[in-house]
N, C-alpha and C. Protein backbone atom coordinates (compact mmCIF):
# COMPACT_ATOMS: atom_id res chain seq x y z
N MET A 1 50.94 20.12 86.69
CA MET A 1 51.68 19.39 85.69
C MET A 1 50.93 18.11 85.35
N GLU A 2 50.73 17.90 84.05
CA GLU A 2 49.98 16.73 83.60
C GLU A 2 50.87 15.50 83.64
N LYS A 3 50.26 14.38 84.06
CA LYS A 3 50.99 13.12 84.09
C LYS A 3 50.49 12.25 82.95
N TYR A 4 51.42 11.52 82.36
CA TYR A 4 51.10 10.61 81.27
C TYR A 4 51.32 9.19 81.76
N ASN A 5 50.26 8.38 81.69
CA ASN A 5 50.28 7.04 82.25
C ASN A 5 50.39 5.99 81.14
N CYS A 6 51.28 5.02 81.35
CA CYS A 6 51.41 3.89 80.42
C CYS A 6 50.30 2.89 80.76
N LYS A 7 49.45 2.59 79.78
CA LYS A 7 48.32 1.70 80.00
C LYS A 7 48.75 0.24 80.13
N ARG A 8 49.97 -0.09 79.74
CA ARG A 8 50.43 -1.47 79.79
C ARG A 8 51.05 -1.85 81.14
N CYS A 9 51.90 -0.95 81.66
CA CYS A 9 52.57 -1.30 82.91
C CYS A 9 52.22 -0.35 84.07
N GLY A 10 51.45 0.71 83.81
CA GLY A 10 50.99 1.60 84.87
C GLY A 10 51.97 2.68 85.29
N ARG A 11 53.14 2.78 84.67
CA ARG A 11 54.13 3.81 85.04
C ARG A 11 53.64 5.19 84.63
N ASP A 12 53.99 6.18 85.44
CA ASP A 12 53.65 7.58 85.14
C ASP A 12 54.86 8.29 84.59
N PHE A 13 54.62 9.22 83.66
CA PHE A 13 55.69 10.00 83.04
C PHE A 13 55.33 11.47 83.06
N GLY A 14 56.34 12.33 83.10
CA GLY A 14 56.12 13.77 83.17
C GLY A 14 55.82 14.41 81.83
N SER A 15 56.14 13.72 80.72
CA SER A 15 55.87 14.29 79.40
C SER A 15 55.43 13.18 78.45
N TYR A 16 54.74 13.61 77.41
CA TYR A 16 54.28 12.66 76.40
C TYR A 16 55.48 12.04 75.69
N LYS A 17 56.52 12.83 75.48
CA LYS A 17 57.73 12.34 74.81
C LYS A 17 58.35 11.18 75.60
N SER A 18 58.40 11.32 76.92
CA SER A 18 58.95 10.25 77.77
C SER A 18 58.10 8.99 77.66
N LEU A 19 56.78 9.17 77.67
CA LEU A 19 55.86 8.03 77.52
C LEU A 19 56.08 7.36 76.16
N ARG A 20 56.22 8.16 75.10
CA ARG A 20 56.41 7.63 73.74
C ARG A 20 57.70 6.81 73.65
N ILE A 21 58.78 7.32 74.23
CA ILE A 21 60.05 6.60 74.22
C ILE A 21 59.94 5.30 75.00
N HIS A 22 59.31 5.36 76.18
CA HIS A 22 59.12 4.17 77.02
C HIS A 22 58.32 3.10 76.28
N VAL A 23 57.19 3.48 75.71
CA VAL A 23 56.31 2.52 75.04
C VAL A 23 57.02 1.92 73.82
N GLY A 24 57.81 2.71 73.12
CA GLY A 24 58.54 2.21 71.96
C GLY A 24 59.61 1.21 72.35
N ARG A 25 60.37 1.51 73.41
CA ARG A 25 61.47 0.64 73.82
C ARG A 25 60.99 -0.59 74.59
N LYS A 26 60.13 -0.36 75.55
CA LYS A 26 59.72 -1.45 76.46
C LYS A 26 58.64 -2.34 75.84
N HIS A 27 57.63 -1.73 75.21
CA HIS A 27 56.48 -2.49 74.72
C HIS A 27 56.49 -2.68 73.20
N LYS A 28 57.51 -2.13 72.52
CA LYS A 28 57.66 -2.26 71.07
C LYS A 28 56.43 -1.79 70.31
N ILE A 29 55.89 -0.67 70.70
CA ILE A 29 54.72 -0.09 70.04
C ILE A 29 55.17 1.17 69.31
N HIS A 30 54.78 1.28 68.05
CA HIS A 30 55.18 2.42 67.22
C HIS A 30 54.52 3.69 67.75
N SER A 31 55.19 4.81 67.57
CA SER A 31 54.70 6.08 68.11
C SER A 31 53.37 6.50 67.48
N THR A 32 53.13 6.15 66.20
CA THR A 32 51.83 6.50 65.60
C THR A 32 50.70 5.70 66.24
N ASP A 33 50.97 4.43 66.57
CA ASP A 33 49.95 3.63 67.24
C ASP A 33 49.64 4.20 68.64
N LEU A 34 50.68 4.67 69.33
CA LEU A 34 50.48 5.29 70.64
C LEU A 34 49.67 6.57 70.50
N TYR A 35 49.99 7.38 69.49
CA TYR A 35 49.26 8.63 69.26
C TYR A 35 47.78 8.34 69.05
N VAL A 36 47.47 7.33 68.22
CA VAL A 36 46.07 6.97 67.96
C VAL A 36 45.40 6.52 69.25
N GLU A 37 46.10 5.70 70.03
CA GLU A 37 45.54 5.18 71.28
C GLU A 37 45.33 6.30 72.31
N TYR A 38 46.32 7.19 72.44
CA TYR A 38 46.30 8.18 73.51
C TYR A 38 45.46 9.41 73.16
N HIS A 39 45.65 9.94 71.95
CA HIS A 39 44.99 11.19 71.57
C HIS A 39 43.68 11.00 70.81
N LEU A 40 43.54 9.88 70.08
CA LEU A 40 42.37 9.69 69.23
C LEU A 40 41.46 8.57 69.73
N ASN A 41 41.69 8.12 70.96
CA ASN A 41 40.87 7.09 71.60
C ASN A 41 40.76 5.82 70.75
N GLY A 42 41.86 5.44 70.11
CA GLY A 42 41.89 4.20 69.35
C GLY A 42 41.24 4.26 67.98
N MET A 43 40.75 5.41 67.57
CA MET A 43 40.09 5.56 66.27
C MET A 43 41.10 6.08 65.25
N TRP A 44 41.62 5.17 64.40
CA TRP A 44 42.61 5.55 63.40
C TRP A 44 41.92 6.41 62.34
N PRO A 45 42.50 7.57 61.97
CA PRO A 45 41.87 8.43 60.96
C PRO A 45 41.85 7.76 59.58
N LEU A 46 40.74 7.98 58.86
CA LEU A 46 40.55 7.38 57.55
C LEU A 46 40.61 8.46 56.47
N CYS A 47 40.88 8.03 55.26
CA CYS A 47 41.00 8.93 54.11
C CYS A 47 39.67 9.65 53.87
N LYS A 48 39.74 10.95 53.61
CA LYS A 48 38.53 11.74 53.44
C LYS A 48 37.88 11.59 52.08
N CYS A 49 38.50 10.80 51.17
CA CYS A 49 37.89 10.59 49.85
C CYS A 49 36.76 9.57 49.93
N GLY A 50 36.70 8.82 51.05
CA GLY A 50 35.63 7.85 51.23
C GLY A 50 36.05 6.41 50.97
N CYS A 51 37.34 6.16 50.74
CA CYS A 51 37.80 4.80 50.45
C CYS A 51 37.97 3.97 51.73
N ASN A 52 37.89 4.60 52.90
CA ASN A 52 38.02 3.95 54.21
C ASN A 52 39.37 3.29 54.44
N GLN A 53 40.43 3.81 53.82
CA GLN A 53 41.78 3.34 54.08
C GLN A 53 42.40 4.23 55.15
N ARG A 54 43.29 3.62 55.96
CA ARG A 54 43.99 4.39 56.98
C ARG A 54 44.96 5.36 56.33
N VAL A 55 45.04 6.58 56.86
CA VAL A 55 45.98 7.56 56.35
C VAL A 55 47.29 7.45 57.11
N LYS A 56 48.36 7.98 56.52
CA LYS A 56 49.68 7.90 57.12
C LYS A 56 49.97 9.15 57.94
N TRP A 57 50.92 9.01 58.85
CA TRP A 57 51.39 10.11 59.69
C TRP A 57 52.30 11.00 58.85
N SER A 58 52.18 12.30 59.03
CA SER A 58 53.06 13.24 58.34
C SER A 58 53.97 13.91 59.36
N GLY A 59 55.27 13.68 59.21
CA GLY A 59 56.23 14.31 60.11
C GLY A 59 56.26 15.82 59.96
N VAL A 60 55.98 16.31 58.76
CA VAL A 60 55.97 17.74 58.50
C VAL A 60 54.78 18.39 59.20
N LEU A 61 53.61 17.78 59.05
CA LEU A 61 52.39 18.33 59.65
C LEU A 61 52.30 18.05 61.15
N LYS A 62 53.07 17.07 61.63
CA LYS A 62 52.99 16.60 63.02
C LYS A 62 51.58 16.13 63.34
N ASN A 63 50.97 15.48 62.36
CA ASN A 63 49.62 14.97 62.49
C ASN A 63 49.38 13.99 61.33
N PHE A 64 48.22 13.37 61.33
CA PHE A 64 47.88 12.48 60.24
C PHE A 64 47.46 13.29 59.01
N ARG A 65 47.71 12.73 57.85
CA ARG A 65 47.29 13.37 56.60
C ARG A 65 45.77 13.26 56.48
N ASP A 66 45.19 14.08 55.61
CA ASP A 66 43.75 14.02 55.36
C ASP A 66 43.42 12.92 54.35
N TYR A 67 44.34 12.69 53.41
CA TYR A 67 44.08 11.75 52.32
C TYR A 67 45.24 10.78 52.19
N CYS A 68 44.96 9.59 51.65
CA CYS A 68 46.02 8.68 51.23
C CYS A 68 46.69 9.30 50.01
N GLN A 69 47.90 8.85 49.70
CA GLN A 69 48.62 9.42 48.58
C GLN A 69 47.84 9.26 47.28
N GLY A 70 47.61 10.37 46.57
CA GLY A 70 46.91 10.37 45.30
C GLY A 70 45.39 10.45 45.41
N HIS A 71 44.84 10.33 46.60
CA HIS A 71 43.38 10.31 46.75
C HIS A 71 42.75 11.70 46.79
N GLN A 72 43.54 12.73 47.02
CA GLN A 72 42.99 14.07 47.08
C GLN A 72 42.40 14.46 45.73
N SER A 73 42.99 13.96 44.65
CA SER A 73 42.50 14.29 43.31
C SER A 73 41.12 13.70 43.06
N ARG A 74 40.71 12.71 43.86
CA ARG A 74 39.37 12.15 43.71
C ARG A 74 38.32 13.16 44.16
N VAL A 75 38.71 14.03 45.09
CA VAL A 75 37.79 15.01 45.63
C VAL A 75 38.02 16.38 45.00
N HIS A 76 39.28 16.83 44.98
CA HIS A 76 39.65 18.13 44.42
C HIS A 76 40.29 17.87 43.06
N ASN A 77 39.49 17.95 42.02
CA ASN A 77 39.96 17.56 40.69
C ASN A 77 40.55 18.76 39.95
N ASN A 78 41.74 19.19 40.37
CA ASN A 78 42.35 20.35 39.75
C ASN A 78 43.19 20.00 38.53
N TRP A 79 43.56 18.73 38.37
CA TRP A 79 44.51 18.35 37.33
C TRP A 79 43.90 17.41 36.29
N GLY A 80 42.60 17.25 36.26
CA GLY A 80 41.98 16.41 35.25
C GLY A 80 42.05 14.93 35.54
N HIS A 81 42.04 14.54 36.82
CA HIS A 81 42.10 13.13 37.16
C HIS A 81 40.73 12.46 37.20
N ASN A 82 39.71 13.18 36.79
CA ASN A 82 38.39 12.59 36.70
C ASN A 82 38.40 11.65 35.49
N PRO A 83 38.14 10.34 35.70
CA PRO A 83 38.27 9.37 34.60
C PRO A 83 37.43 9.73 33.37
N LYS A 84 36.20 10.22 33.57
CA LYS A 84 35.36 10.57 32.42
C LYS A 84 35.94 11.76 31.67
N ALA A 85 36.43 12.75 32.41
CA ALA A 85 37.01 13.93 31.77
C ALA A 85 38.30 13.57 31.05
N VAL A 86 39.11 12.70 31.64
CA VAL A 86 40.37 12.29 31.02
C VAL A 86 40.09 11.55 29.73
N GLU A 87 39.09 10.66 29.74
CA GLU A 87 38.74 9.91 28.54
C GLU A 87 38.29 10.86 27.44
N ALA A 88 37.44 11.82 27.79
CA ALA A 88 36.95 12.78 26.80
C ALA A 88 38.09 13.65 26.28
N SER A 89 38.97 14.10 27.17
CA SER A 89 40.05 14.98 26.74
C SER A 89 41.07 14.23 25.89
N SER A 90 41.31 12.93 26.17
CA SER A 90 42.26 12.18 25.35
C SER A 90 41.70 11.98 23.95
N LYS A 91 40.39 11.77 23.83
CA LYS A 91 39.78 11.65 22.51
C LYS A 91 39.90 12.98 21.76
N THR A 92 39.65 14.07 22.47
CA THR A 92 39.76 15.40 21.86
C THR A 92 41.18 15.65 21.38
N ARG A 93 42.18 15.30 22.22
CA ARG A 93 43.58 15.51 21.84
C ARG A 93 43.94 14.70 20.60
N LYS A 94 43.48 13.44 20.55
CA LYS A 94 43.76 12.60 19.39
C LYS A 94 43.19 13.23 18.12
N GLU A 95 41.96 13.74 18.21
CA GLU A 95 41.35 14.40 17.05
C GLU A 95 42.13 15.65 16.67
N GLN A 96 42.59 16.42 17.66
CA GLN A 96 43.36 17.63 17.37
C GLN A 96 44.68 17.29 16.68
N PHE A 97 45.34 16.21 17.08
CA PHE A 97 46.58 15.81 16.42
C PHE A 97 46.30 15.39 14.97
N LYS A 98 45.19 14.67 14.76
CA LYS A 98 44.84 14.25 13.40
C LYS A 98 44.57 15.46 12.50
N ASN A 99 43.82 16.43 13.03
CA ASN A 99 43.44 17.61 12.25
C ASN A 99 44.60 18.59 12.06
N GLY A 100 45.64 18.45 12.87
CA GLY A 100 46.76 19.39 12.78
C GLY A 100 46.59 20.60 13.67
N GLU A 101 45.51 20.65 14.48
CA GLU A 101 45.32 21.77 15.42
C GLU A 101 46.39 21.76 16.51
N ARG A 102 46.83 20.56 16.87
CA ARG A 102 47.80 20.40 17.95
C ARG A 102 49.00 19.65 17.37
N THR A 103 50.20 20.07 17.76
CA THR A 103 51.41 19.39 17.29
C THR A 103 52.31 19.10 18.48
N VAL A 104 53.27 18.21 18.27
CA VAL A 104 54.23 17.86 19.30
C VAL A 104 55.26 18.99 19.39
N TRP A 105 55.70 19.32 20.58
CA TRP A 105 56.59 20.47 20.77
C TRP A 105 57.94 20.30 20.10
N ASN A 106 58.42 19.05 19.95
CA ASN A 106 59.77 18.85 19.43
C ASN A 106 59.78 18.37 17.99
N ILE A 107 58.71 18.61 17.26
CA ILE A 107 58.66 18.15 15.88
C ILE A 107 59.72 18.88 15.04
N GLY A 108 60.53 18.10 14.34
CA GLY A 108 61.58 18.67 13.50
C GLY A 108 62.86 19.04 14.24
N LEU A 109 62.88 18.90 15.57
CA LEU A 109 64.07 19.26 16.33
C LEU A 109 64.94 18.02 16.55
N THR A 110 66.24 18.21 16.56
CA THR A 110 67.16 17.12 16.84
C THR A 110 68.08 17.53 17.98
N LYS A 111 68.85 16.57 18.49
CA LYS A 111 69.75 16.89 19.60
C LYS A 111 70.88 17.82 19.15
N GLU A 112 71.17 17.85 17.86
CA GLU A 112 72.20 18.75 17.37
C GLU A 112 71.69 20.20 17.31
N ILE A 113 70.39 20.36 17.09
CA ILE A 113 69.80 21.69 16.92
C ILE A 113 69.34 22.29 18.25
N ASP A 114 68.65 21.48 19.06
CA ASP A 114 68.00 21.99 20.27
C ASP A 114 68.59 21.36 21.53
N GLU A 115 68.98 22.20 22.46
CA GLU A 115 69.59 21.75 23.72
C GLU A 115 68.59 20.97 24.58
N ARG A 116 67.31 21.35 24.52
CA ARG A 116 66.29 20.66 25.33
C ARG A 116 66.14 19.20 24.91
N VAL A 117 66.15 18.95 23.60
CA VAL A 117 66.04 17.58 23.09
C VAL A 117 67.26 16.77 23.52
N LYS A 118 68.42 17.38 23.45
CA LYS A 118 69.66 16.72 23.85
C LYS A 118 69.62 16.35 25.33
N ASN A 119 69.24 17.31 26.18
CA ASN A 119 69.16 17.06 27.63
C ASN A 119 68.11 16.02 27.97
N ASN A 120 67.00 16.03 27.25
CA ASN A 120 65.94 15.05 27.48
C ASN A 120 66.46 13.65 27.18
N GLY A 121 67.21 13.49 26.10
CA GLY A 121 67.79 12.19 25.75
C GLY A 121 68.78 11.72 26.79
N ILE A 122 69.61 12.64 27.28
CA ILE A 122 70.62 12.29 28.30
C ILE A 122 69.94 11.84 29.58
N GLU A 123 68.94 12.58 30.05
CA GLU A 123 68.24 12.24 31.29
C GLU A 123 67.48 10.92 31.15
N THR A 124 66.90 10.68 29.99
CA THR A 124 66.18 9.42 29.77
C THR A 124 67.14 8.24 29.83
N SER A 125 68.31 8.39 29.21
CA SER A 125 69.26 7.28 29.21
C SER A 125 69.82 7.02 30.61
N LYS A 126 69.93 8.06 31.44
CA LYS A 126 70.40 7.88 32.82
C LYS A 126 69.39 7.06 33.63
N SER A 127 68.10 7.30 33.39
CA SER A 127 67.07 6.63 34.17
C SER A 127 66.83 5.20 33.71
N PHE A 128 67.40 4.81 32.57
CA PHE A 128 67.18 3.47 32.03
C PHE A 128 68.21 2.52 32.62
N THR A 129 67.98 2.07 33.86
CA THR A 129 68.90 1.20 34.59
C THR A 129 68.77 -0.24 34.13
N LYS A 130 69.66 -1.12 34.64
CA LYS A 130 69.61 -2.53 34.27
C LYS A 130 68.27 -3.16 34.64
N GLU A 131 67.78 -2.84 35.84
CA GLU A 131 66.50 -3.41 36.30
C GLU A 131 65.37 -2.95 35.39
N ARG A 132 65.40 -1.67 35.03
CA ARG A 132 64.35 -1.13 34.18
C ARG A 132 64.43 -1.73 32.78
N LYS A 133 65.65 -1.98 32.29
CA LYS A 133 65.81 -2.61 30.98
C LYS A 133 65.20 -4.01 30.99
N LYS A 134 65.41 -4.76 32.09
CA LYS A 134 64.85 -6.11 32.19
C LYS A 134 63.32 -6.07 32.14
N VAL A 135 62.73 -5.15 32.91
CA VAL A 135 61.27 -5.03 32.95
C VAL A 135 60.75 -4.64 31.57
N TYR A 136 61.41 -3.67 30.93
CA TYR A 136 60.99 -3.20 29.61
C TYR A 136 61.13 -4.32 28.58
N SER A 137 62.23 -5.08 28.65
CA SER A 137 62.46 -6.16 27.71
C SER A 137 61.39 -7.24 27.86
N LYS A 138 61.05 -7.58 29.09
CA LYS A 138 60.02 -8.59 29.35
C LYS A 138 58.67 -8.11 28.81
N MET A 139 58.36 -6.83 29.05
CA MET A 139 57.10 -6.27 28.58
C MET A 139 57.03 -6.28 27.06
N MET A 140 58.13 -5.90 26.39
CA MET A 140 58.16 -5.88 24.93
C MET A 140 58.01 -7.30 24.36
N LYS A 141 58.66 -8.27 25.01
CA LYS A 141 58.55 -9.65 24.55
C LYS A 141 57.11 -10.13 24.64
N GLU A 142 56.46 -9.85 25.78
CA GLU A 142 55.06 -10.24 25.95
C GLU A 142 54.18 -9.56 24.90
N ASN A 143 54.44 -8.28 24.63
CA ASN A 143 53.64 -7.55 23.63
C ASN A 143 53.84 -8.11 22.23
N ARG A 144 55.07 -8.54 21.91
CA ARG A 144 55.31 -9.13 20.59
C ARG A 144 54.62 -10.49 20.48
N LEU A 145 54.67 -11.28 21.56
CA LEU A 145 54.08 -12.62 21.51
C LEU A 145 52.55 -12.58 21.46
N ASN A 146 51.94 -11.62 22.15
CA ASN A 146 50.48 -11.56 22.13
C ASN A 146 49.93 -10.72 20.98
N GLY A 147 50.83 -10.15 20.15
CA GLY A 147 50.38 -9.44 18.95
C GLY A 147 50.14 -7.96 19.13
N THR A 148 50.35 -7.43 20.34
CA THR A 148 50.16 -5.99 20.56
C THR A 148 51.17 -5.19 19.75
N THR A 149 52.44 -5.63 19.78
CA THR A 149 53.50 -5.00 19.00
C THR A 149 53.90 -5.98 17.90
N PRO A 150 53.77 -5.58 16.63
CA PRO A 150 54.13 -6.51 15.56
C PRO A 150 55.64 -6.70 15.48
N THR A 151 56.07 -7.92 15.16
CA THR A 151 57.48 -8.19 14.95
C THR A 151 57.81 -7.83 13.51
N LEU A 152 58.77 -6.95 13.32
CA LEU A 152 59.10 -6.45 11.99
C LEU A 152 60.31 -7.19 11.44
N TYR A 153 60.20 -7.64 10.19
CA TYR A 153 61.27 -8.36 9.53
C TYR A 153 61.71 -7.60 8.28
N GLY A 154 62.91 -7.89 7.82
CA GLY A 154 63.40 -7.35 6.57
C GLY A 154 63.46 -5.84 6.56
N SER A 155 62.98 -5.24 5.47
CA SER A 155 63.08 -3.78 5.32
C SER A 155 62.18 -3.03 6.29
N SER A 156 61.23 -3.71 6.92
CA SER A 156 60.36 -3.07 7.91
C SER A 156 61.05 -2.90 9.27
N SER A 157 62.11 -3.68 9.49
CA SER A 157 62.81 -3.65 10.78
C SER A 157 63.64 -2.38 10.92
N SER A 158 63.76 -1.91 12.15
CA SER A 158 64.58 -0.71 12.40
C SER A 158 66.06 -1.00 12.25
N GLN A 159 66.44 -2.28 12.27
CA GLN A 159 67.84 -2.67 12.13
C GLN A 159 68.23 -2.94 10.68
N TRP A 160 67.32 -2.75 9.73
CA TRP A 160 67.57 -3.03 8.32
C TRP A 160 68.62 -2.08 7.77
N LYS A 161 69.59 -2.64 7.07
CA LYS A 161 70.68 -1.82 6.53
C LYS A 161 70.73 -1.91 5.01
N GLY A 162 69.58 -2.13 4.38
CA GLY A 162 69.52 -2.12 2.92
C GLY A 162 69.96 -3.41 2.28
N GLY A 163 69.88 -4.55 2.96
CA GLY A 163 70.26 -5.82 2.38
C GLY A 163 71.75 -6.02 2.29
N VAL A 164 72.50 -5.31 3.11
CA VAL A 164 73.95 -5.42 3.10
C VAL A 164 74.35 -6.49 4.09
N SER A 165 74.68 -7.67 3.58
CA SER A 165 75.13 -8.76 4.43
C SER A 165 76.48 -9.23 3.93
N SER A 166 77.32 -9.65 4.83
CA SER A 166 78.61 -10.20 4.42
C SER A 166 78.40 -11.61 3.88
N ILE A 167 79.32 -12.08 3.09
CA ILE A 167 79.23 -13.43 2.52
C ILE A 167 79.20 -14.46 3.64
N GLN A 168 79.95 -14.19 4.72
CA GLN A 168 80.00 -15.14 5.84
C GLN A 168 78.61 -15.34 6.43
N CYS A 169 77.84 -14.24 6.58
CA CYS A 169 76.48 -14.34 7.15
C CYS A 169 75.58 -15.17 6.25
N ILE A 170 75.69 -14.95 4.94
CA ILE A 170 74.85 -15.69 4.02
C ILE A 170 75.19 -17.18 4.06
N VAL A 171 76.49 -17.50 4.07
CA VAL A 171 76.93 -18.91 4.13
C VAL A 171 76.45 -19.55 5.43
N ARG A 172 76.56 -18.83 6.54
CA ARG A 172 76.13 -19.36 7.84
C ARG A 172 74.64 -19.66 7.82
N GLU A 173 73.83 -18.77 7.24
CA GLU A 173 72.40 -18.98 7.17
C GLU A 173 72.07 -20.21 6.33
N VAL A 174 72.75 -20.37 5.21
CA VAL A 174 72.49 -21.51 4.33
C VAL A 174 72.89 -22.81 5.00
N THR A 175 74.05 -22.83 5.66
CA THR A 175 74.48 -24.06 6.34
C THR A 175 73.55 -24.41 7.49
N ASP A 176 73.09 -23.41 8.24
CA ASP A 176 72.12 -23.67 9.32
C ASP A 176 70.83 -24.23 8.74
N PHE A 177 70.42 -23.69 7.61
CA PHE A 177 69.19 -24.13 6.96
C PHE A 177 69.31 -25.60 6.56
N ILE A 178 70.47 -25.99 6.01
CA ILE A 178 70.69 -27.38 5.59
C ILE A 178 70.82 -28.30 6.79
N LYS A 179 71.53 -27.85 7.83
CA LYS A 179 71.70 -28.66 9.06
C LYS A 179 70.37 -28.99 9.71
N ASN A 180 69.40 -28.11 9.60
CA ASN A 180 68.10 -28.33 10.21
C ASN A 180 67.24 -29.28 9.39
N GLY A 181 67.83 -29.90 8.36
CA GLY A 181 67.09 -30.90 7.60
C GLY A 181 66.33 -30.33 6.43
N ASN A 182 66.51 -29.08 6.12
CA ASN A 182 65.81 -28.47 5.00
C ASN A 182 66.62 -28.70 3.72
N ILE A 183 65.93 -28.75 2.62
CA ILE A 183 66.60 -29.01 1.34
C ILE A 183 66.52 -27.76 0.49
N LEU A 184 67.64 -27.40 -0.13
CA LEU A 184 67.68 -26.25 -1.03
C LEU A 184 67.41 -26.74 -2.44
N TYR A 185 66.58 -26.06 -3.18
CA TYR A 185 66.30 -26.41 -4.58
C TYR A 185 66.88 -25.36 -5.47
């Protein structure tokens, strides 16, 4: 029967599990750190893509992962994550949309006609939480201020209703204009 020895206090244990529990409770050492120390001689496994980052433990695999999250695509490029290929393919797609070779799947469809469009709208609105609205609002404000997104006024605005304003709104605008020291001619 193999004995497992605690390197910190010298106690012997009958199983690795007992040693792991002891080290976690008594010495406050995480089980992955113990695994690296005991089984890998202190050499933490690194990502195989070559970035030299430590990989995480996988409870499913009962071992360390081979790659950091998202790094496998750097080596096994099955989905077009090669930056040069992505750049070339995005240019090609843009040209195809211009030429009419490629079209958007939902062109001409509305939520009244197509169930997929309706469900897509419902799911999108569910994911648009208060926190996400704040982030989106801040991003849009920054884009308007730096000129990335133009600010649309009058008939160019999406809120334009054909110049239909109540008399109260017009009077309020004129009084605000005069209050600010402007003169009407």
